[in-house]
Amino acid sequence: MMTEQTLRERECVHRGDGAAGEFYQGTTYVQLLQRLPVVTATRFATRVASFFWSDAAQIKVWLCHDCAAELQGHASKRDA
């Protein structure tokens, strides 16, 4: 049985492999994706279970350290 908490969490594909990581606010995740070129954002988004972006404020996204660094690195390169 899925709990409400389970429905409010998403995770990258590496969590099942035992990778270390942490939770981020869904809004932060969406904002970082929006800074990426469309092709890169689409490719990256396939690593995390989908959710409606309008629900991002109620979602927590678990990212392994590698995915978080990659996402933040891509976004900061674009801002530079």
N, C-alpha and C. Protein backbone atom coordinates (compact mmCIF):
# COMPACT_ATOMS: atom_id res chain seq x y z
N MET A 1 0.84 -1.19 0.00
CA MET A 1 0.00 0.00 0.00
C MET A 1 0.88 1.25 0.00
N MET A 2 0.61 2.17 -0.88
CA MET A 2 1.40 3.40 -0.97
C MET A 2 0.85 4.44 0.00
N THR A 3 1.74 5.04 0.74
CA THR A 3 1.34 6.10 1.65
C THR A 3 1.40 7.44 0.93
N GLU A 4 0.80 8.45 1.53
CA GLU A 4 0.84 9.78 0.95
C GLU A 4 2.29 10.26 0.83
N GLN A 5 3.13 9.93 1.83
CA GLN A 5 4.53 10.33 1.80
C GLN A 5 5.23 9.71 0.59
N THR A 6 4.97 8.45 0.30
CA THR A 6 5.57 7.79 -0.85
C THR A 6 5.17 8.49 -2.14
N LEU A 7 3.94 8.93 -2.23
CA LEU A 7 3.46 9.61 -3.42
C LEU A 7 4.10 10.98 -3.60
N ARG A 8 4.66 11.54 -2.55
CA ARG A 8 5.25 12.88 -2.59
C ARG A 8 6.77 12.85 -2.77
N GLU A 9 7.35 11.67 -2.95
CA GLU A 9 8.79 11.54 -3.12
C GLU A 9 9.11 10.93 -4.47
N ARG A 10 10.14 11.45 -5.09
CA ARG A 10 10.67 10.90 -6.33
C ARG A 10 12.16 10.70 -6.12
N GLU A 11 12.75 9.82 -6.90
CA GLU A 11 14.18 9.54 -6.72
C GLU A 11 14.84 9.24 -8.06
N CYS A 12 16.13 9.47 -8.11
CA CYS A 12 16.86 9.15 -9.33
C CYS A 12 17.06 7.63 -9.40
N VAL A 13 17.39 7.16 -10.57
CA VAL A 13 17.51 5.72 -10.81
C VAL A 13 18.65 5.08 -10.03
N HIS A 14 19.55 5.86 -9.49
CA HIS A 14 20.72 5.31 -8.80
C HIS A 14 20.46 4.96 -7.34
N ARG A 15 19.32 5.37 -6.80
CA ARG A 15 19.04 5.08 -5.39
C ARG A 15 18.93 3.58 -5.16
N GLY A 16 18.33 2.88 -6.10
CA GLY A 16 18.19 1.43 -5.97
C GLY A 16 19.51 0.69 -5.97
N ASP A 17 20.56 1.32 -6.49
CA ASP A 17 21.88 0.72 -6.52
C ASP A 17 22.66 0.99 -5.24
N GLY A 18 22.04 1.71 -4.31
CA GLY A 18 22.69 2.00 -3.03
C GLY A 18 23.56 3.24 -3.03
N ALA A 19 23.41 4.09 -4.03
CA ALA A 19 24.22 5.32 -4.09
C ALA A 19 23.83 6.26 -2.95
N ALA A 20 24.81 7.03 -2.50
CA ALA A 20 24.56 8.04 -1.48
C ALA A 20 23.94 9.27 -2.14
N GLY A 21 23.06 9.94 -1.42
CA GLY A 21 22.43 11.12 -1.97
C GLY A 21 21.61 11.83 -0.92
N GLU A 22 20.79 12.76 -1.37
CA GLU A 22 19.95 13.50 -0.44
C GLU A 22 18.72 14.05 -1.16
N PHE A 23 17.76 14.51 -0.36
CA PHE A 23 16.53 15.07 -0.90
C PHE A 23 16.69 16.56 -1.20
N TYR A 24 16.02 16.98 -2.27
CA TYR A 24 15.96 18.38 -2.67
C TYR A 24 14.49 18.74 -2.83
N GLN A 25 14.19 20.01 -2.67
CA GLN A 25 12.83 20.47 -2.91
C GLN A 25 12.51 20.27 -4.39
N GLY A 26 11.29 19.87 -4.67
CA GLY A 26 10.88 19.67 -6.05
C GLY A 26 10.99 20.94 -6.87
N THR A 27 10.73 22.09 -6.24
CA THR A 27 10.83 23.36 -6.96
C THR A 27 12.28 23.65 -7.36
N THR A 28 13.23 23.30 -6.52
CA THR A 28 14.64 23.50 -6.84
C THR A 28 15.03 22.61 -8.02
N TYR A 29 14.60 21.37 -8.00
CA TYR A 29 14.88 20.42 -9.08
C TYR A 29 14.32 20.95 -10.40
N VAL A 30 13.09 21.41 -10.39
CA VAL A 30 12.45 21.93 -11.61
C VAL A 30 13.19 23.18 -12.10
N GLN A 31 13.55 24.07 -11.20
CA GLN A 31 14.27 25.28 -11.60
C GLN A 31 15.60 24.95 -12.26
N LEU A 32 16.31 23.97 -11.71
CA LEU A 32 17.58 23.56 -12.31
C LEU A 32 17.36 22.94 -13.69
N LEU A 33 16.33 22.12 -13.82
CA LEU A 33 16.02 21.54 -15.13
C LEU A 33 15.70 22.63 -16.15
N GLN A 34 14.98 23.65 -15.73
CA GLN A 34 14.57 24.71 -16.64
C GLN A 34 15.75 25.54 -17.14
N ARG A 35 16.87 25.49 -16.47
CA ARG A 35 18.06 26.23 -16.90
C ARG A 35 18.85 25.48 -17.97
N LEU A 36 18.52 24.22 -18.18
CA LEU A 36 19.26 23.39 -19.13
C LEU A 36 18.70 23.52 -20.54
N PRO A 37 19.54 23.25 -21.54
CA PRO A 37 19.01 23.13 -22.89
C PRO A 37 17.96 22.01 -22.93
N VAL A 38 16.98 22.13 -23.79
CA VAL A 38 15.85 21.20 -23.83
C VAL A 38 16.30 19.74 -23.92
N VAL A 39 17.22 19.45 -24.82
CA VAL A 39 17.67 18.06 -25.01
C VAL A 39 18.32 17.52 -23.73
N THR A 40 19.16 18.32 -23.11
CA THR A 40 19.83 17.90 -21.87
C THR A 40 18.83 17.72 -20.75
N ALA A 41 17.90 18.64 -20.60
CA ALA A 41 16.88 18.55 -19.55
C ALA A 41 16.01 17.32 -19.74
N THR A 42 15.62 17.04 -20.96
CA THR A 42 14.79 15.87 -21.24
C THR A 42 15.54 14.59 -20.90
N ARG A 43 16.78 14.52 -21.30
CA ARG A 43 17.59 13.33 -21.01
C ARG A 43 17.77 13.16 -19.51
N PHE A 44 18.06 14.26 -18.81
CA PHE A 44 18.26 14.19 -17.37
C PHE A 44 16.98 13.80 -16.65
N ALA A 45 15.86 14.36 -17.07
CA ALA A 45 14.58 14.12 -16.39
C ALA A 45 14.16 12.66 -16.43
N THR A 46 14.66 11.89 -17.38
CA THR A 46 14.32 10.47 -17.43
C THR A 46 14.94 9.68 -16.28
N ARG A 47 15.85 10.27 -15.55
CA ARG A 47 16.49 9.61 -14.40
C ARG A 47 15.61 9.63 -13.16
N VAL A 48 14.62 10.51 -13.14
CA VAL A 48 13.76 10.70 -11.96
C VAL A 48 12.32 10.40 -12.35
N ALA A 49 11.60 9.69 -11.46
CA ALA A 49 10.18 9.41 -11.72
C ALA A 49 9.45 10.73 -11.96
N SER A 50 8.58 10.72 -12.94
CA SER A 50 7.92 11.95 -13.35
C SER A 50 6.88 12.43 -12.33
N PHE A 51 6.60 13.71 -12.39
CA PHE A 51 5.55 14.34 -11.60
C PHE A 51 5.14 15.61 -12.31
N PHE A 52 3.95 16.08 -12.01
CA PHE A 52 3.49 17.33 -12.58
C PHE A 52 4.27 18.48 -11.96
N TRP A 53 4.84 19.33 -12.78
CA TRP A 53 5.64 20.43 -12.26
C TRP A 53 4.81 21.37 -11.40
N SER A 54 3.53 21.41 -11.63
CA SER A 54 2.67 22.24 -10.80
C SER A 54 2.60 21.71 -9.36
N ASP A 55 2.97 20.45 -9.16
CA ASP A 55 2.99 19.84 -7.82
C ASP A 55 4.37 19.93 -7.17
N ALA A 56 5.32 20.57 -7.81
CA ALA A 56 6.71 20.56 -7.34
C ALA A 56 6.87 21.03 -5.91
N ALA A 57 6.06 21.97 -5.46
CA ALA A 57 6.18 22.47 -4.08
C ALA A 57 5.89 21.40 -3.04
N GLN A 58 5.14 20.37 -3.42
CA GLN A 58 4.80 19.30 -2.49
C GLN A 58 5.67 18.05 -2.68
N ILE A 59 6.61 18.10 -3.61
CA ILE A 59 7.43 16.93 -3.95
C ILE A 59 8.84 17.12 -3.43
N LYS A 60 9.43 16.03 -2.95
CA LYS A 60 10.84 16.00 -2.60
C LYS A 60 11.50 15.04 -3.58
N VAL A 61 12.63 15.47 -4.15
CA VAL A 61 13.34 14.67 -5.14
C VAL A 61 14.67 14.23 -4.55
N TRP A 62 14.86 12.91 -4.47
CA TRP A 62 16.13 12.37 -3.98
C TRP A 62 17.05 12.21 -5.18
N LEU A 63 18.23 12.82 -5.09
CA LEU A 63 19.24 12.69 -6.13
C LEU A 63 20.52 12.14 -5.51
N CYS A 64 21.15 11.19 -6.22
CA CYS A 64 22.46 10.73 -5.77
C CYS A 64 23.42 11.91 -5.93
N HIS A 65 24.55 11.84 -5.27
CA HIS A 65 25.49 12.95 -5.31
C HIS A 65 25.98 13.22 -6.73
N ASP A 66 26.17 12.17 -7.52
CA ASP A 66 26.63 12.37 -8.90
C ASP A 66 25.59 13.10 -9.75
N CYS A 67 24.33 12.69 -9.66
CA CYS A 67 23.28 13.35 -10.43
C CYS A 67 23.11 14.80 -9.98
N ALA A 68 23.15 15.05 -8.69
CA ALA A 68 23.01 16.41 -8.17
C ALA A 68 24.15 17.29 -8.68
N ALA A 69 25.37 16.77 -8.64
CA ALA A 69 26.52 17.56 -9.12
C ALA A 69 26.41 17.81 -10.62
N GLU A 70 25.99 16.80 -11.36
CA GLU A 70 25.84 16.97 -12.80
C GLU A 70 24.76 18.00 -13.13
N LEU A 71 23.64 17.89 -12.46
CA LEU A 71 22.54 18.83 -12.71
C LEU A 71 22.95 20.26 -12.36
N GLN A 72 23.57 20.44 -11.23
CA GLN A 72 23.99 21.77 -10.81
C GLN A 72 25.12 22.29 -11.69
N GLY A 73 26.00 21.40 -12.14
CA GLY A 73 27.09 21.81 -13.01
C GLY A 73 26.61 22.26 -14.36
N HIS A 74 25.65 21.53 -14.94
CA HIS A 74 25.09 21.92 -16.24
C HIS A 74 24.41 23.27 -16.11
N ALA A 75 23.64 23.44 -15.04
CA ALA A 75 22.89 24.69 -14.86
C ALA A 75 23.83 25.86 -14.68
N SER A 76 24.91 25.70 -13.89
CA SER A 76 25.81 26.82 -13.65
C SER A 76 26.62 27.16 -14.88
N LYS A 77 26.93 26.18 -15.73
CA LYS A 77 27.65 26.46 -16.97
C LYS A 77 26.80 27.34 -17.88
N ARG A 78 25.52 27.07 -17.90
CA ARG A 78 24.62 27.84 -18.75
C ARG A 78 24.49 29.27 -18.23
N ASP A 79 24.52 29.43 -16.90
CA ASP A 79 24.38 30.77 -16.31
C ASP A 79 25.65 31.61 -16.49
N ALA A 80 26.76 30.94 -16.70
CA ALA A 80 28.05 31.65 -16.79
C ALA A 80 28.18 32.46 -18.06
